[in-house]
PDB file of N, CA and C in Angstrom:
ATOM      1  N   MET A   1      -3.930  -1.850 -12.955  1.00  0.00           N
ATOM      2  CA  MET A   1      -3.646  -1.255 -11.606  1.00  0.00           C
ATOM      3  C   MET A   1      -3.658   0.334 -11.498  1.00  0.00           C
ATOM      4  N   LYS A   2      -4.338   0.382 -10.090  1.00  0.00           N
ATOM      5  CA  LYS A   2      -4.676   1.880 -10.119  1.00  0.00           C
ATOM      6  C   LYS A   2      -3.857   2.294  -8.852  1.00  0.00           C
ATOM      7  N   TRP A   3      -3.173   3.353  -8.576  1.00  0.00           N
ATOM      8  CA  TRP A   3      -2.603   4.048  -7.373  1.00  0.00           C
ATOM      9  C   TRP A   3      -2.973   4.978  -6.560  1.00  0.00           C
ATOM     10  N   TYR A   4      -3.258   5.241  -5.440  1.00  0.00           N
ATOM     11  CA  TYR A   4      -3.648   6.344  -4.952  1.00  0.00           C
ATOM     12  C   TYR A   4      -2.395   7.714  -4.911  1.00  0.00           C
ATOM     13  N   ARG A   5      -3.589   8.505  -4.949  1.00  0.00           N
ATOM     14  CA  ARG A   5      -2.872   9.443  -5.139  1.00  0.00           C
ATOM     15  C   ARG A   5      -2.252  10.430  -4.189  1.00  0.00           C
ATOM     16  N   LYS A   6      -2.539   9.852  -2.527  1.00  0.00           N
ATOM     17  CA  LYS A   6      -2.166  10.329  -1.547  1.00  0.00           C
ATOM     18  C   LYS A   6      -1.224   8.989  -1.169  1.00  0.00           C
ATOM     19  N   LEU A   7      -0.669   8.281  -1.694  1.00  0.00           N
ATOM     20  CA  LEU A   7       0.232   7.177  -1.313  1.00  0.00           C
ATOM     21  C   LEU A   7       0.900   7.156  -0.275  1.00  0.00           C
ATOM     22  N   TYR A   8       0.362   5.689   0.707  1.00  0.00           N
ATOM     23  CA  TYR A   8       1.072   5.674   2.036  1.00  0.00           C
ATOM     24  C   TYR A   8       2.473   4.889   1.681  1.00  0.00           C
ATOM     25  N   ILE A   9       3.571   5.399   2.503  1.00  0.00           N
ATOM     26  CA  ILE A   9       5.108   5.043   2.310  1.00  0.00           C
ATOM     27  C   ILE A   9       5.790   4.714   3.107  1.00  0.00           C
ATOM     28  N   GLY A  10       6.075   3.641   3.758  1.00  0.00           N
ATOM     29  CA  GLY A  10       6.822   3.272   4.295  1.00  0.00           C
ATOM     30  C   GLY A  10       8.286   3.962   4.885  1.00  0.00           C
ATOM     31  N   GLU A  11       8.829   4.071   5.967  1.00  0.00           N
ATOM     32  CA  GLU A  11       9.951   4.565   5.689  1.00  0.00           C
ATOM     33  C   GLU A  11      11.285   4.102   5.205  1.00  0.00           C
ATOM     34  N   LYS A  12      11.453   2.969   4.954  1.00  0.00           N
ATOM     35  CA  LYS A  12      12.225   2.257   4.116  1.00  0.00           C
ATOM     36  C   LYS A  12      12.173   2.526   2.500  1.00  0.00           C
ATOM     37  N   ALA A  13      11.079   2.621   2.728  1.00  0.00           N
ATOM     38  CA  ALA A  13      10.480   2.573   0.805  1.00  0.00           C
ATOM     39  C   ALA A  13      10.899   4.414   0.455  1.00  0.00           C
ATOM     40  N   LYS A  14      10.719   4.987   1.227  1.00  0.00           N
ATOM     41  CA  LYS A  14      10.639   6.416   1.017  1.00  0.00           C
ATOM     42  C   LYS A  14      12.074   6.864   0.126  1.00  0.00           C
ATOM     43  N   LYS A  15      13.304   6.070   0.827  1.00  0.00           N
ATOM     44  CA  LYS A  15      14.634   6.436  -0.110  1.00  0.00           C
ATOM     45  C   LYS A  15      14.261   6.071  -1.513  1.00  0.00           C
ATOM     46  N   ASP A  16      13.590   5.201  -2.075  1.00  0.00           N
ATOM     47  CA  ASP A  16      13.832   4.862  -3.348  1.00  0.00           C
ATOM     48  C   ASP A  16      12.001   4.586  -3.755  1.00  0.00           C
ATOM     49  N   ARG A  17      11.543   5.390  -3.563  1.00  0.00           N
ATOM     50  CA  ARG A  17       9.903   5.479  -3.925  1.00  0.00           C
ATOM     51  C   ARG A  17       9.361   5.820  -5.322  1.00  0.00           C
ATOM     52  N   PHE A  18      10.020   6.200  -6.045  1.00  0.00           N
ATOM     53  CA  PHE A  18      10.358   6.656  -7.266  1.00  0.00           C
ATOM     54  C   PHE A  18      10.336   5.281  -8.168  1.00  0.00           C
ATOM     55  N   LYS A  19      11.755   4.679  -7.894  1.00  0.00           N
ATOM     56  CA  LYS A  19      12.456   3.487  -8.260  1.00  0.00           C
ATOM     57  C   LYS A  19      11.488   2.490  -8.215  1.00  0.00           C
ATOM     58  N   PHE A  20      11.245   2.585  -6.987  1.00  0.00           N
ATOM     59  CA  PHE A  20       9.879   1.281  -6.692  1.00  0.00           C
ATOM     60  C   PHE A  20       8.476   1.108  -6.981  1.00  0.00           C
ATOM     61  N   ILE A  21       7.962   2.510  -7.491  1.00  0.00           N
ATOM     62  CA  ILE A  21       6.818   2.589  -8.230  1.00  0.00           C
ATOM     63  C   ILE A  21       6.760   1.949  -9.828  1.00  0.00           C
ATOM     64  N   TRP A  22       7.909   2.743 -10.173  1.00  0.00           N
ATOM     65  CA  TRP A  22       8.325   2.477 -11.527  1.00  0.00           C
ATOM     66  C   TRP A  22       8.410   0.728 -11.592  1.00  0.00           C
ATOM     67  N   GLN A  23       9.093   0.187 -10.669  1.00  0.00           N
ATOM     68  CA  GLN A  23       9.057  -0.862 -11.220  1.00  0.00           C
ATOM     69  C   GLN A  23       8.022  -1.999 -11.052  1.00  0.00           C
ATOM     70  N   VAL A  24       6.948  -1.476  -9.927  1.00  0.00           N
ATOM     71  CA  VAL A  24       5.769  -2.149  -9.727  1.00  0.00           C
ATOM     72  C   VAL A  24       5.033  -1.982 -11.269  1.00  0.00           C
ATOM     73  N   LYS A  25       4.945  -1.257 -11.619  1.00  0.00           N
ATOM     74  CA  LYS A  25       3.926  -0.700 -12.423  1.00  0.00           C
ATOM     75  C   LYS A  25       4.808  -1.125 -14.043  1.00  0.00           C
ATOM     76  N   HIS A  26       5.900  -1.078 -13.919  1.00  0.00           N
ATOM     77  CA  HIS A  26       6.863  -2.146 -15.212  1.00  0.00           C
ATOM     78  C   HIS A  26       6.829  -3.614 -15.125  1.00  0.00           C
ATOM     79  N   ARG A  27       5.937  -4.015 -14.169  1.00  0.00           N
ATOM     80  CA  ARG A  27       6.054  -5.345 -13.454  1.00  0.00           C
ATOM     81  C   ARG A  27       7.650  -6.492 -13.562  1.00  0.00           C
ATOM     82  N   HIS A  28       8.569  -5.451 -12.661  1.00  0.00           N
ATOM     83  CA  HIS A  28      10.019  -5.916 -12.377  1.00  0.00           C
ATOM     84  C   HIS A  28       9.742  -6.148 -10.988  1.00  0.00           C
ATOM     85  N   ILE A  29      11.001  -7.116 -10.829  1.00  0.00           N
ATOM     86  CA  ILE A  29      11.231  -7.419  -9.215  1.00  0.00           C
ATOM     87  C   ILE A  29      11.466  -6.174  -8.316  1.00  0.00           C
ATOM     88  N   VAL A  30      10.706  -5.992  -6.973  1.00  0.00           N
ATOM     89  CA  VAL A  30      11.308  -5.197  -6.036  1.00  0.00           C
ATOM     90  C   VAL A  30      11.575  -6.222  -4.931  1.00  0.00           C
ATOM     91  N   TRP A  31      13.100  -6.459  -4.644  1.00  0.00           N
ATOM     92  CA  TRP A  31      13.272  -7.353  -3.742  1.00  0.00           C
ATOM     93  C   TRP A  31      12.711  -6.812  -2.431  1.00  0.00           C
ATOM     94  N   ASN A  32      12.083  -7.970  -1.553  1.00  0.00           N
ATOM     95  CA  ASN A  32      11.528  -7.643  -0.092  1.00  0.00           C
ATOM     96  C   ASN A  32      10.395  -6.258  -0.363  1.00  0.00           C
ATOM     97  N   GLY A  33       9.967  -5.812  -1.494  1.00  0.00           N
ATOM     98  CA  GLY A  33       8.936  -4.943  -1.445  1.00  0.00           C
ATOM     99  C   GLY A  33       7.473  -5.591  -1.316  1.00  0.00           C
ATOM    100  N   TYR A  34       6.920  -4.590  -0.508  1.00  0.00           N
ATOM    101  CA  TYR A  34       5.570  -4.929  -0.586  1.00  0.00           C
ATOM    102  C   TYR A  34       4.811  -3.965  -1.100  1.00  0.00           C
ATOM    103  N   VAL A  35       3.290  -3.801  -1.619  1.00  0.00           N
ATOM    104  CA  VAL A  35       2.228  -2.968  -1.909  1.00  0.00           C
ATOM    105  C   VAL A  35       1.141  -3.423  -0.886  1.00  0.00           C
ATOM    106  N   ILE A  36       0.436  -2.318  -0.408  1.00  0.00           N
ATOM    107  CA  ILE A  36      -0.690  -2.526   0.568  1.00  0.00           C
ATOM    108  C   ILE A  36      -1.884  -2.393  -0.453  1.00  0.00           C
ATOM    109  N   THR A  37      -2.813  -2.917  -0.670  1.00  0.00           N
ATOM    110  CA  THR A  37      -3.680  -2.900  -1.510  1.00  0.00           C
ATOM    111  C   THR A  37      -5.313  -2.807  -0.953  1.00  0.00           C
ATOM    112  N   LEU A  38      -6.307  -2.443  -2.000  1.00  0.00           N
ATOM    113  CA  LEU A  38      -7.903  -2.297  -0.871  1.00  0.00           C
ATOM    114  C   LEU A  38      -7.766  -3.950  -1.165  1.00  0.00           C
ATOM    115  N   ALA A  39      -8.360  -4.304   0.081  1.00  0.00           N
ATOM    116  CA  ALA A  39      -8.847  -5.752  -0.231  1.00  0.00           C
ATOM    117  C   ALA A  39      -9.577  -6.536  -1.135  1.00  0.00           C
ATOM    118  N   SER A  40      -9.201  -7.323  -1.601  1.00  0.00           N
ATOM    119  CA  SER A  40      -9.858  -7.813  -2.796  1.00  0.00           C
ATOM    120  C   SER A  40     -11.478  -8.623  -2.494  1.00  0.00           C
ATOM    121  N   ASN A  41     -11.427  -9.049  -1.042  1.00  0.00           N
ATOM    122  CA  ASN A  41     -12.589  -9.474  -0.654  1.00  0.00           C
ATOM    123  C   ASN A  41     -13.313  -7.608   0.130  1.00  0.00           C
ATOM    124  N   GLU A  42     -14.341  -7.630  -0.268  1.00  0.00           N
ATOM    125  CA  GLU A  42     -14.646  -6.094   0.296  1.00  0.00           C
ATOM    126  C   GLU A  42     -15.266  -6.591   2.189  1.00  0.00           C
ATOM    127  N   GLN A  43     -15.166  -7.529   2.272  1.00  0.00           N
ATOM    128  CA  GLN A  43     -15.202  -7.961   4.011  1.00  0.00           C
ATOM    129  C   GLN A  43     -14.025  -7.843   4.751  1.00  0.00           C
ATOM    130  N   ASN A  44     -12.914  -7.846   4.179  1.00  0.00           N
ATOM    131  CA  ASN A  44     -11.753  -7.485   4.962  1.00  0.00           C
ATOM    132  C   ASN A  44     -11.136  -6.043   4.478  1.00  0.00           C
ATOM    133  N   LEU A  45     -10.261  -5.554   4.917  1.00  0.00           N
ATOM    134  CA  LEU A  45      -9.599  -3.850   5.181  1.00  0.00           C
ATOM    135  C   LEU A  45      -8.652  -3.848   4.103  1.00  0.00           C
ATOM    136  N   LEU A  46      -7.761  -4.654   3.949  1.00  0.00           N
ATOM    137  CA  LEU A  46      -6.321  -4.332   3.322  1.00  0.00           C
ATOM    138  C   LEU A  46      -5.584  -5.765   3.005  1.00  0.00           C
ATOM    139  N   ASP A  47      -4.745  -5.702   1.948  1.00  0.00           N
ATOM    140  CA  ASP A  47      -4.586  -7.156   1.415  1.00  0.00           C
ATOM    141  C   ASP A  47      -3.088  -6.544   1.519  1.00  0.00           C
ATOM    142  N   ILE A  48      -1.880  -7.195   1.578  1.00  0.00           N
ATOM    143  CA  ILE A  48      -0.318  -7.013   1.824  1.00  0.00           C
ATOM    144  C   ILE A  48       0.005  -7.905   0.925  1.00  0.00           C
ATOM    145  N   ILE A  49       0.668  -7.384  -0.342  1.00  0.00           N
ATOM    146  CA  ILE A  49       1.372  -8.473  -1.319  1.00  0.00           C
ATOM    147  C   ILE A  49       2.853  -8.347  -1.356  1.00  0.00           C
ATOM    148  N   GLN A  50       3.608  -9.086  -1.589  1.00  0.00           N
ATOM    149  CA  GLN A  50       4.451  -8.996  -1.831  1.00  0.00           C
ATOM    150  C   GLN A  50       4.998  -8.767  -3.382  1.00  0.00           C
ATOM    151  N   VAL A  51       6.098  -8.086  -3.849  1.00  0.00           N
ATOM    152  CA  VAL A  51       5.560  -7.401  -5.356  1.00  0.00           C
ATOM    153  C   VAL A  51       6.160  -8.539  -6.296  1.00  0.00           C
ATOM    154  N   THR A  52       6.909  -9.572  -5.779  1.00  0.00           N
ATOM    155  CA  THR A  52       7.417 -10.867  -6.976  1.00  0.00           C
ATOM    156  C   THR A  52       6.108 -11.596  -6.995  1.00  0.00           C
ATOM    157  N   GLU A  53       4.951 -11.375  -5.904  1.00  0.00           N
ATOM    158  CA  GLU A  53       4.068 -12.420  -6.114  1.00  0.00           C
ATOM    159  C   GLU A  53       3.036 -11.685  -7.595  1.00  0.00           C
ATOM    160  N   LEU A  54       3.378 -10.314  -7.289  1.00  0.00           N
ATOM    161  CA  LEU A  54       2.624  -9.325  -8.523  1.00  0.00           C
ATOM    162  C   LEU A  54       2.933 -10.209 -10.003  1.00  0.00           C
ATOM    163  N   LEU A  55       3.975 -10.881 -10.109  1.00  0.00           N
ATOM    164  CA  LEU A  55       4.491 -11.214 -11.400  1.00  0.00           C
ATOM    165  C   LEU A  55       3.266 -12.509 -11.630  1.00  0.00           C
ATOM    166  N   GLN A  56       2.894 -13.125 -10.914  1.00  0.00           N
ATOM    167  CA  GLN A  56       2.169 -14.451 -11.160  1.00  0.00           C
ATOM    168  C   GLN A  56       0.988 -13.603 -12.192  1.00  0.00           C
ATOM    169  N   PRO A  57       0.706 -15.075 -13.021  1.00  0.00           N
ATOM    170  CA  PRO A  57      -0.488 -14.786 -13.971  1.00  0.00           C
ATOM    171  C   PRO A  57      -1.986 -14.188 -13.405  1.00  0.00           C
ATOM    172  N   TYR A  58      -2.165 -14.940 -12.311  1.00  0.00           N
ATOM    173  CA  TYR A  58      -3.267 -14.459 -11.532  1.00  0.00           C
ATOM    174  C   TYR A  58      -3.471 -13.073 -11.406  1.00  0.00           C
ATOM    175  N   TYR A  59      -2.209 -12.192 -11.309  1.00  0.00           N
ATOM    176  CA  TYR A  59      -2.468 -10.849 -10.959  1.00  0.00           C
ATOM    177  C   TYR A  59      -2.274 -10.192 -12.407  1.00  0.00           C
ATOM    178  N   LYS A  60      -2.104 -10.688 -13.444  1.00  0.00           N
ATOM    179  CA  LYS A  60      -2.118 -10.176 -14.720  1.00  0.00           C
ATOM    180  C   LYS A  60      -2.983  -9.053 -15.223  1.00  0.00           C
ATOM    181  N   ASN A  61      -4.292  -9.574 -14.882  1.00  0.00           N
ATOM    182  CA  ASN A  61      -5.628  -8.806 -15.400  1.00  0.00           C
ATOM    183  C   ASN A  61      -6.344  -8.602 -14.206  1.00  0.00           C
ATOM    184  N   ARG A  62      -5.882  -8.588 -12.864  1.00  0.00           N
ATOM    185  CA  ARG A  62      -6.706  -7.918 -11.869  1.00  0.00           C
ATOM    186  C   ARG A  62      -6.216  -6.574 -11.641  1.00  0.00           C
ATOM    187  N   GLU A  63      -7.688  -6.102 -11.184  1.00  0.00           N
ATOM    188  CA  GLU A  63      -7.692  -4.526 -11.372  1.00  0.00           C
ATOM    189  C   GLU A  63      -7.236  -4.371  -9.374  1.00  0.00           C
ATOM    190  N   LEU A  64      -6.014  -4.045  -9.268  1.00  0.00           N
ATOM    191  CA  LEU A  64      -5.375  -3.865  -7.952  1.00  0.00           C
ATOM    192  C   LEU A  64      -5.449  -2.106  -7.634  1.00  0.00           C
ATOM    193  N   PHE A  65      -5.984  -1.840  -6.428  1.00  0.00           N
ATOM    194  CA  PHE A  65      -5.903  -0.650  -5.867  1.00  0.00           C
ATOM    195  C   PHE A  65      -4.968  -0.168  -5.154  1.00  0.00           C
ATOM    196  N   ILE A  66      -3.606   0.451  -5.654  1.00  0.00           N
ATOM    197  CA  ILE A  66      -2.448   0.465  -4.383  1.00  0.00           C
ATOM    198  C   ILE A  66      -2.579   1.648  -3.527  1.00  0.00           C
ATOM    199  N   VAL A  67      -2.514   1.344  -2.218  1.00  0.00           N
ATOM    200  CA  VAL A  67      -2.551   2.284  -1.307  1.00  0.00           C
ATOM    201  C   VAL A  67      -1.458   2.787  -0.579  1.00  0.00           C
ATOM    202  N   GLY A  68      -0.432   1.663  -0.716  1.00  0.00           N
ATOM    203  CA  GLY A  68       0.743   1.760   0.431  1.00  0.00           C
ATOM    204  C   GLY A  68       2.047   1.090  -0.294  1.00  0.00           C
ATOM    205  N   ILE A  69       3.165   1.442  -0.003  1.00  0.00           N
ATOM    206  CA  ILE A  69       4.397   0.866  -0.362  1.00  0.00           C
ATOM    207  C   ILE A  69       5.028   0.519   0.741  1.00  0.00           C
ATOM    208  N   ALA A  70       5.788  -0.682   1.043  1.00  0.00           N
ATOM    209  CA  ALA A  70       6.734  -0.773   2.120  1.00  0.00           C
ATOM    210  C   ALA A  70       7.928  -1.914   1.590  1.00  0.00           C
ATOM    211  N   LYS A  71       9.052  -1.459   2.133  1.00  0.00           N
ATOM    212  CA  LYS A  71       9.954  -2.397   1.884  1.00  0.00           C
ATOM    213  C   LYS A  71      10.647  -3.393   3.264  1.00  0.00           C
ATOM    214  N   GLY A  72       9.930  -4.452   3.034  1.00  0.00           N
ATOM    215  CA  GLY A  72       9.928  -5.489   4.258  1.00  0.00           C
ATOM    216  C   GLY A  72       8.400  -5.880   4.579  1.00  0.00           C
ATOM    217  N   TYR A  73       8.093  -7.071   5.092  1.00  0.00           N
ATOM    218  CA  TYR A  73       6.795  -7.184   5.357  1.00  0.00           C
ATOM    219  C   TYR A  73       6.466  -6.406   6.856  1.00  0.00           C
ATOM    220  N   ASP A  74       7.527  -6.486   7.544  1.00  0.00           N
ATOM    221  CA  ASP A  74       7.216  -5.848   9.103  1.00  0.00           C
ATOM    222  C   ASP A  74       7.405  -4.103   8.788  1.00  0.00           C
ATOM    223  N   GLU A  75       7.600  -3.905   7.939  1.00  0.00           N
ATOM    224  CA  GLU A  75       7.154  -2.055   7.349  1.00  0.00           C
ATOM    225  C   GLU A  75       5.522  -2.440   6.714  1.00  0.00           C
ATOM    226  N   ALA A  76       5.296  -3.302   6.019  1.00  0.00           N
ATOM    227  CA  ALA A  76       4.216  -3.354   5.248  1.00  0.00           C
ATOM    228  C   ALA A  76       2.969  -3.475   6.358  1.00  0.00           C
ATOM    229  N   LEU A  77       3.325  -3.829   7.745  1.00  0.00           N
ATOM    230  CA  LEU A  77       2.229  -4.204   8.489  1.00  0.00           C
ATOM    231  C   LEU A  77       2.131  -3.030   9.382  1.00  0.00           C
ATOM    232  N   ILE A  78       3.156  -1.975   9.490  1.00  0.00           N
ATOM    233  CA  ILE A  78       3.019  -0.777  10.000  1.00  0.00           C
ATOM    234  C   ILE A  78       2.543   0.097   9.040  1.00  0.00           C
ATOM    235  N   VAL A  79       2.718   0.413   7.843  1.00  0.00           N
ATOM    236  CA  VAL A  79       1.807   1.049   7.098  1.00  0.00           C
ATOM    237  C   VAL A  79       0.416   0.573   6.839  1.00  0.00           C
ATOM    238  N   ALA A  80       0.405  -0.582   6.907  1.00  0.00           N
ATOM    239  CA  ALA A  80      -1.391  -0.946   6.998  1.00  0.00           C
ATOM    240  C   ALA A  80      -2.005  -0.709   8.289  1.00  0.00           C
ATOM    241  N   LYS A  81      -1.079  -0.725   9.196  1.00  0.00           N
ATOM    242  CA  LYS A  81      -1.660  -0.163  10.624  1.00  0.00           C
ATOM    243  C   LYS A  81      -1.818   1.106  10.864  1.00  0.00           C
ATOM    244  N   ASP A  82      -0.907   1.986   9.861  1.00  0.00           N
ATOM    245  CA  ASP A  82      -1.125   3.447   9.912  1.00  0.00           C
ATOM    246  C   ASP A  82      -2.657   3.876   9.168  1.00  0.00           C
ATOM    247  N   ILE A  83      -2.574   3.075   8.173  1.00  0.00           N
ATOM    248  CA  ILE A  83      -3.720   3.654   7.383  1.00  0.00           C
ATOM    249  C   ILE A  83      -5.062   3.473   8.137  1.00  0.00           C
ATOM    250  N   ILE A  84      -5.013   2.043   8.726  1.00  0.00           N
ATOM    251  CA  ILE A  84      -6.248   2.004   9.802  1.00  0.00           C
ATOM    252  C   ILE A  84      -6.512   2.611  10.440  1.00  0.00           C
ATOM    253  N   ASP A  85      -5.398   3.470  11.474  1.00  0.00           N
ATOM    254  CA  ASP A  85      -5.421   4.146  12.442  1.00  0.00           C
ATOM    255  C   ASP A  85      -6.249   5.759  11.982  1.00  0.00           C
ATOM    256  N   GLU A  86      -5.253   5.646  10.748  1.00  0.00           N
ATOM    257  CA  GLU A  86      -5.841   7.159   9.993  1.00  0.00           C
ATOM    258  C   GLU A  86      -7.474   7.358   9.619  1.00  0.00           C
ATOM    259  N   VAL A  87      -7.947   6.332   9.089  1.00  0.00           N
ATOM    260  CA  VAL A  87      -8.994   6.357   8.847  1.00  0.00           C
ATOM    261  C   VAL A  87     -10.199   6.142  10.396  1.00  0.00           C
ATOM    262  N   TYR A  88      -9.703   5.225  11.326  1.00  0.00           N
ATOM    263  CA  TYR A  88     -10.370   5.293  12.515  1.00  0.00           C
ATOM    264  C   TYR A  88     -10.321   6.652  13.218  1.00  0.00           C
ATOM    265  N   GLN A  89      -9.062   7.320  13.290  1.00  0.00           N
ATOM    266  CA  GLN A  89      -9.453   8.441  13.848  1.00  0.00           C
ATOM    267  C   GLN A  89     -10.144   9.662  12.900  1.00  0.00           C
ATOM    268  N   LYS A  90     -10.070   9.814  11.761  1.00  0.00           N
ATOM    269  CA  LYS A  90     -10.976  10.356  10.775  1.00  0.00           C
ATOM    270  C   LYS A  90     -12.458  10.269  10.871  1.00  0.00           C
ATOM    271  N   THR A  91     -12.852   8.964  11.077  1.00  0.00           N
ATOM    272  CA  THR A  91     -14.293   8.709  10.838  1.00  0.00           C
ATOM    273  C   THR A  91     -14.799   8.125  12.085  1.00  0.00           C
ATOM    274  N   GLY A  92     -14.169   7.521  12.859  1.00  0.00           N
ATOM    275  CA  GLY A  92     -14.619   6.774  13.920  1.00  0.00           C
ATOM    276  C   GLY A  92     -15.124   5.296  13.262  1.00  0.00           C
ATOM    277  N   GLU A  93     -14.691   4.770  12.331  1.00  0.00           N
ATOM    278  CA  GLU A  93     -15.512   3.426  11.466  1.00  0.00           C
ATOM    279  C   GLU A  93     -13.706   3.477  10.925  1.00  0.00           C
ATOM    280  N   PHE A  94     -13.969   1.599  10.609  1.00  0.00           N
ATOM    281  CA  PHE A  94     -13.231   0.599   9.834  1.00  0.00           C
ATOM    282  C   PHE A  94     -13.709   0.595   8.176  1.00  0.00           C
ATOM    283  N   ASN A  95     -14.358   1.362   7.896  1.00  0.00           N
ATOM    284  CA  ASN A  95     -14.377   1.671   6.232  1.00  0.00           C
ATOM    285  C   ASN A  95     -13.480   2.159   5.542  1.00  0.00           C
ATOM    286  N   ILE A  96     -12.421   1.387   5.394  1.00  0.00           N
ATOM    287  CA  ILE A  96     -10.821   1.899   4.724  1.00  0.00           C
ATOM    288  C   ILE A  96     -11.521   2.070   2.946  1.00  0.00           C
ATOM    289  N   ARG A  97     -12.207   1.189   2.262  1.00  0.00           N
ATOM    290  CA  ARG A  97     -12.822   1.117   1.133  1.00  0.00           C
ATOM    291  C   ARG A  97     -13.294   2.521   0.635  1.00  0.00           C
ATOM    292  N   GLN A  98     -14.196   2.831   1.706  1.00  0.00           N
ATOM    293  CA  GLN A  98     -14.853   4.188   1.286  1.00  0.00           C
ATOM    294  C   GLN A  98     -14.418   5.531   1.664  1.00  0.00           C
ATOM    295  N   PHE A  99     -13.363   5.360   2.971  1.00  0.00           N
ATOM    296  CA  PHE A  99     -12.485   6.409   2.826  1.00  0.00           C
ATOM    297  C   PHE A  99     -11.630   6.891   1.890  1.00  0.00           C
ATOM    298  N   ILE A 100     -10.896   5.827   1.583  1.00  0.00           N
ATOM    299  CA  ILE A 100      -9.808   6.136   0.096  1.00  0.00           C
ATOM    300  C   ILE A 100     -10.466   6.375  -0.861  1.00  0.00           C
ATOM    301  N   LEU A 101     -11.609   5.604  -1.415  1.00  0.00           N
ATOM    302  CA  LEU A 101     -12.223   6.334  -2.581  1.00  0.00           C
ATOM    303  C   LEU A 101     -12.610   7.226  -2.497  1.00  0.00           C
ATOM    304  N   ASN A 102     -13.244   7.775  -1.484  1.00  0.00           N
ATOM    305  CA  ASN A 102     -13.712   9.200  -1.089  1.00  0.00           C
ATOM    306  C   ASN A 102     -12.332  10.377  -1.523  1.00  0.00           C
ATOM    307  N   CYS A 103     -11.592  10.215  -0.738  1.00  0.00           N
ATOM    308  CA  CYS A 103     -10.211  10.799  -0.947  1.00  0.00           C
ATOM    309  C   CYS A 103      -9.593  10.507  -1.999  1.00  0.00           C
ATOM    310  N   GLN A 104      -9.602   9.764  -3.039  1.00  0.00           N
ATOM    311  CA  GLN A 104      -9.300   9.968  -4.320  1.00  0.00           C
ATOM    312  C   GLN A 104     -10.012  10.372  -5.380  1.00  0.00           C
ATOM    313  N   LYS A 105     -11.292  10.852  -4.891  1.00  0.00           N
ATOM    314  CA  LYS A 105     -12.097  11.585  -5.758  1.00  0.00           C
ATOM    315  C   LYS A 105     -12.197  13.186  -5.095  1.00  0.00           C
ATOM    316  N   GLY A 106     -11.361  13.321  -3.853  1.00  0.00           N
ATOM    317  CA  GLY A 106     -11.424  14.459  -3.451  1.00  0.00           C
ATOM    318  C   GLY A 106     -12.631  15.088  -2.845  1.00  0.00           C
ATOM    319  N   ASN A 107     -13.481  14.050  -2.306  1.00  0.00           N
ATOM    320  CA  ASN A 107     -14.481  14.365  -0.993  1.00  0.00           C
ATOM    321  C   ASN A 107     -13.876  14.800   0.102  1.00  0.00           C
ATOM    322  N   MET A 108     -12.696  13.983   0.695  1.00  0.00           N
ATOM    323  CA  MET A 108     -12.022  13.951   1.906  1.00  0.00           C
ATOM    324  C   MET A 108     -10.817  14.383   2.083  1.00  0.00           C
ATOM    325  N   SER A 109     -10.296  14.780   2.950  1.00  0.00           N
ATOM    326  CA  SER A 109      -8.877  14.833   2.840  1.00  0.00           C
ATOM    327  C   SER A 109      -8.093  13.831   3.840  1.00  0.00           C
ATOM    328  N   SER A 110      -6.806  13.174   3.498  1.00  0.00           N
ATOM    329  CA  SER A 110      -6.178  12.579   4.373  1.00  0.00           C
ATOM    330  C   SER A 110      -5.260  13.060   4.410  1.00  0.00           C
ATOM    331  N   SER A 111      -4.378  12.459   6.050  1.00  0.00           N
ATOM    332  CA  SER A 111      -3.095  13.148   6.191  1.00  0.00           C
ATOM    333  C   SER A 111      -3.083  14.929   6.571  1.00  0.00           C
TER     334      SER A 111
END
């Protein structure tokens, strides 16, 4: 599991963000918690995954790149929208993966 160094955080998740991140990293339950990741299918933009789903064996050996966190599905949708909006505003394209990976390497700036 990799984490974006400029993690997008929903308003409700901000209050407990350090605990939220710790719980996800240590495979604990975060009630009503969601992570936004780079899409597992490169044809898509992002995946929204409930944290409790990450406890399933399927995810144990998956290399997820977490770019955002949120409390509640509605907030996860807002965070995903904010990510897409920012990428489009800065690049004029919807290549989320390339933008995020370039920012992670320090080749572009976000926010």
